[in-house]
Amino acid sequence: MFWAKMAAFGVVGLLSIIPTIRFISWNRQASANPAFAVPASELASVKTYIRAEAFVFLLIPVFAAAMARGYGY
């Protein structure tokens, strides 16, 4: 369970890279052009990454509880 929890942390970190890069890009574009609007396809892609990240993040306390109960020992 410990390694599953560590893997979940790693996956959350990896899944957050793409949205972070896109947020920075959108911020730069919005600073340069006040009329900038985020393209719908990019927004949908970022939403998918964030939902996946949230799902994996919810597994971390599950793995922690399983560790506390001695599963996977």
C-alpha atoms as a PDB file:
ATOM      1  CA  MET A   1       0.000   0.000   0.000  1.00  0.00           C
ATOM      2  CA  PHE A   2       2.892   2.335   0.672  1.00  0.00           C
ATOM      3  CA  TRP A   3       4.162   2.056  -2.898  1.00  0.00           C
ATOM      4  CA  ALA A   4       0.641   2.428  -4.278  1.00  0.00           C
ATOM      5  CA  LYS A   5       0.311   5.651  -2.291  1.00  0.00           C
ATOM      6  CA  MET A   6       3.693   6.897  -3.534  1.00  0.00           C
ATOM      7  CA  ALA A   7       2.735   5.985  -7.103  1.00  0.00           C
ATOM      8  CA  ALA A   8      -0.516   7.931  -6.708  1.00  0.00           C
ATOM      9  CA  PHE A   9       1.490  10.980  -5.577  1.00  0.00           C
ATOM     10  CA  GLY A  10       3.705  10.593  -8.628  1.00  0.00           C
ATOM     11  CA  VAL A  11       0.770  10.239 -11.000  1.00  0.00           C
ATOM     12  CA  VAL A  12      -0.903  13.347  -9.541  1.00  0.00           C
ATOM     13  CA  GLY A  13       2.337  15.247 -10.063  1.00  0.00           C
ATOM     14  CA  LEU A  14       2.659  14.087 -13.657  1.00  0.00           C
ATOM     15  CA  LEU A  15      -0.987  14.809 -14.438  1.00  0.00           C
ATOM     16  CA  SER A  16      -0.605  18.374 -13.167  1.00  0.00           C
ATOM     17  CA  ILE A  17       2.175  19.255 -15.626  1.00  0.00           C
ATOM     18  CA  ILE A  18      -0.013  19.786 -18.724  1.00  0.00           C
ATOM     19  CA  PRO A  19      -2.655  21.970 -17.016  1.00  0.00           C
ATOM     20  CA  THR A  20       0.055  24.061 -15.357  1.00  0.00           C
ATOM     21  CA  ILE A  21       1.786  24.689 -18.671  1.00  0.00           C
ATOM     22  CA  ARG A  22      -1.511  25.593 -20.317  1.00  0.00           C
ATOM     23  CA  PHE A  23      -2.497  27.961 -17.465  1.00  0.00           C
ATOM     24  CA  ILE A  24       0.824  29.775 -17.804  1.00  0.00           C
ATOM     25  CA  SER A  25       0.374  29.985 -21.573  1.00  0.00           C
ATOM     26  CA  TRP A  26      -3.172  31.303 -21.246  1.00  0.00           C
ATOM     27  CA  ASN A  27      -2.053  33.880 -18.697  1.00  0.00           C
ATOM     28  CA  ARG A  28       0.668  35.151 -21.036  1.00  0.00           C
ATOM     29  CA  GLN A  29      -1.752  35.309 -23.964  1.00  0.00           C
ATOM     30  CA  ALA A  30      -4.369  37.110 -21.862  1.00  0.00           C
ATOM     31  CA  SER A  31      -1.768  39.653 -20.724  1.00  0.00           C
ATOM     32  CA  ALA A  32      -0.775  40.355 -24.319  1.00  0.00           C
ATOM     33  CA  ASN A  33      -4.323  40.397 -25.678  1.00  0.00           C
ATOM     34  CA  PRO A  34      -7.178  41.433 -23.322  1.00  0.00           C
ATOM     35  CA  ALA A  35      -9.720  39.938 -25.741  1.00  0.00           C
ATOM     36  CA  PHE A  36      -8.130  36.488 -25.457  1.00  0.00           C
ATOM     37  CA  ALA A  37     -10.554  33.615 -24.949  1.00  0.00           C
ATOM     38  CA  VAL A  38      -9.461  30.094 -24.097  1.00  0.00           C
ATOM     39  CA  PRO A  39     -10.193  27.713 -26.996  1.00  0.00           C
ATOM     40  CA  ALA A  40     -12.905  25.206 -26.111  1.00  0.00           C
ATOM     41  CA  SER A  41     -10.828  22.206 -27.171  1.00  0.00           C
ATOM     42  CA  GLU A  42      -7.937  23.210 -24.891  1.00  0.00           C
ATOM     43  CA  LEU A  43     -10.327  23.871 -22.027  1.00  0.00           C
ATOM     44  CA  ALA A  44     -11.923  20.438 -22.441  1.00  0.00           C
ATOM     45  CA  SER A  45      -8.487  18.814 -22.474  1.00  0.00           C
ATOM     46  CA  VAL A  46      -7.432  20.584 -19.274  1.00  0.00           C
ATOM     47  CA  LYS A  47     -10.712  19.608 -17.592  1.00  0.00           C
ATOM     48  CA  THR A  48     -10.015  15.970 -18.410  1.00  0.00           C
ATOM     49  CA  TYR A  49      -6.549  16.165 -16.870  1.00  0.00           C
ATOM     50  CA  ILE A  50      -7.871  17.864 -13.735  1.00  0.00           C
ATOM     51  CA  ARG A  51     -10.651  15.315 -13.303  1.00  0.00           C
ATOM     52  CA  ALA A  52      -8.168  12.459 -13.647  1.00  0.00           C
ATOM     53  CA  GLU A  53      -5.864  14.182 -11.183  1.00  0.00           C
ATOM     54  CA  ALA A  54      -8.707  14.613  -8.680  1.00  0.00           C
ATOM     55  CA  PHE A  55      -9.689  10.954  -8.990  1.00  0.00           C
ATOM     56  CA  VAL A  56      -6.143   9.728  -8.358  1.00  0.00           C
ATOM     57  CA  PHE A  57      -5.783  12.255  -5.526  1.00  0.00           C
ATOM     58  CA  LEU A  58      -8.844  10.730  -3.843  1.00  0.00           C
ATOM     59  CA  LEU A  59      -7.104   7.351  -3.850  1.00  0.00           C
ATOM     60  CA  ILE A  60      -4.271   8.632  -1.641  1.00  0.00           C
ATOM     61  CA  PRO A  61      -6.313   8.632   1.608  1.00  0.00           C
ATOM     62  CA  VAL A  62      -7.720   5.220   0.671  1.00  0.00           C
ATOM     63  CA  PHE A  63      -4.201   3.843   0.387  1.00  0.00           C
ATOM     64  CA  ALA A  64      -3.233   5.577   3.642  1.00  0.00           C
ATOM     65  CA  ALA A  65      -6.174   3.987   5.463  1.00  0.00           C
ATOM     66  CA  ALA A  66      -5.277   0.593   4.024  1.00  0.00           C
ATOM     67  CA  MET A  67      -1.693   1.079   5.218  1.00  0.00           C
ATOM     68  CA  ALA A  68      -2.929   1.975   8.711  1.00  0.00           C
ATOM     69  CA  ARG A  69      -4.987  -1.224   8.809  1.00  0.00           C
ATOM     70  CA  GLY A  70      -2.031  -3.327   7.724  1.00  0.00           C
ATOM     71  CA  TYR A  71      -3.180  -4.333   4.241  1.00  0.00           C
ATOM     72  CA  GLY A  72      -0.487  -5.194   1.721  1.00  0.00           C
ATOM     73  CA  TYR A  73       1.983  -5.979   4.451  1.00  0.00           C
END
